[in-house]
Each structure stands twice: as structure tokens, then as C-alpha cells.
Amino acid sequence: MSGLPGLLAHPDEALALLRPRPACVFTDIDGPLSPIVADPAAATVPDSTRAALRALAERIAVVALTGRSVADARRIVGLDTLVYSGNHGAEWWEAGIASVEPAVEPYLPRVREIAEAVESGIGTPGILLEEKGASLSVHYRNTKVPGSARRDILGFLDEHARGMAIREGKMVVEIRAPVPLSKGEAVRSFIRCRGLASALVLGDDRTDAEAFAVVRQMREAGEVHGLCAGVATADAPAELLEVADYALADTETVGAFLALMTSEL
């Protein structure tokens, strides 16, 4: 148990936050919206959650904040009324217009080069390579000994991905361009560019903790009214729950919460 109060049991807090406009809900995809699955390509958003997101996006801004590529995120969520921030803020998509952060573009060939090296150089059964253009994810959830696979991946990248940013999530190692981009910086940029009055962030992993921390900083500075809710599954990282204000038990609970927000806003 996280020890955090459940957000679904305290809807008035979220409603009071989101009623002042302009408001926004930022949400990760894998974990909050889509159940974590062995093959990332097989992830799906339940129809009821998609319907709630569609209705919510008619009322306030909704940003899908993900480590996936924008193209993959749009495929999974299936809604063009959302804003998409992909590859941890390296890519954006809104109303048919896609963009890549200029600082990332010089590193695209390097990401591809590392992907080829990993594909040919790490033979551990069960490792899954996810190429995302602006970044690369190496999943080890399906290996027989995940701890050993993680060490092999990190050791290989220490030699073959020098100069790149290496980050970890749930059973995954990510290789990114060494530029100051993150979900946290994506949230900060969007809040400031849109002049948001309030923001709610939903997440389940270490990279979401970065977004939570930024919202807390901005809240303390008086820049925005904000709340952060962590999906408190058994494998939720401690650093996420340490900076969360509330908890949501699982993907199903997130869907129920979004539906409630839609009906009440």
C-alpha cells in the first residue's frame, strides 16, 4: 500500500482544481490508460477510458505524456482531440501538426546506430527492442532473469552508447539524446505556453515522477494550481509515490476517475 489517499475517493479535490480555466490533465499512457503488457506493441486503451478521454478533451486540454513515439501514442489512444508529447518531450503533435525539438534532431542517426548495435550485440532471450526515432527502449520484462538482463544491457550501453542519456523505467532501459528534455520539462513548457491556471498529472513510473516534481515546484512558486496522482500498483517506484499527492489503484480506477471527471465538469 502506498499510504496515499485515493483520488477516486476524493473527487472534489480534483474538480475544484480543474474547474478554473484554462485547465489541463496530463497523463502517461502505459500504466494509467493502458495496462502494462509483455509486448508494448500490443498495448490498448479500454473503450470506456477512451470515451472518457474524448469527452474530457471537449471540456479541457488533455495531454498524453509518454515515452513512446507520437505516432505510436496516437495509434494506441486513437484520439486526435488530444495533444501528444512523445519521446519524453522530444516530439509534439497537436491538431495535425507534428514537431521535433530542434536540439534532438542531430542525435537521430546516433540513436539508430545504437539500435543496430543492441540488435546484433545483446543476445539475451526475451529482450525486446523498441525503436522510437528520437529515443530507444530496451525492454527486459520477458527475460528469464530480469536482474541479470538489466546488468547486461547497462554494461553493453556503457560501452556502445557513450555520450547519450541513459534512463530506467519499469523493466526497461531507455537511450535518449543528451539534451535537457523530460516529461517534467514538457509539462513546465506546456503550462507556461498556455498560461494554465491548473494542472492534474497522472503517472506510474520514474519518468512521471519528474513531471510530478515540476508541478510541485510550480505549485509552491505560485505559478499553477496542481495535483499529482500516482498509479500505486505493486511495482510502482518509491520515487513516484514520494512526490504524488494522491493514488489511483490501477488502470481500471484511472478510467473510472476520468469518467467521473467528465460527468462532473
Foldseek 3Di string as FASTA:
>chain_A
DLPFAACLVVVVVVLVQVPPPQEEEEEECDWQQWDDDLDPLPTAGDPLLLVLVVLVLVPYAYEHAYLAAPVSVCVRSVDQSHWYQYNFNQWTDHPHDIDGDPVQVVCQVVQVVVLVCCVPPDDQPSWDWDDHRQKIKIARPGGPDLVVSVVVVVVVCVPRVPQWDWDDKDRMIMTHHPDPGANLVNLVVVCVVVVGAEYEYEEFIPRSLSNLVSQVVCVVVVSHHYFYEYQDEPPRDPSNSVSHNHYQPTNVSSSVSSNVSSVPD
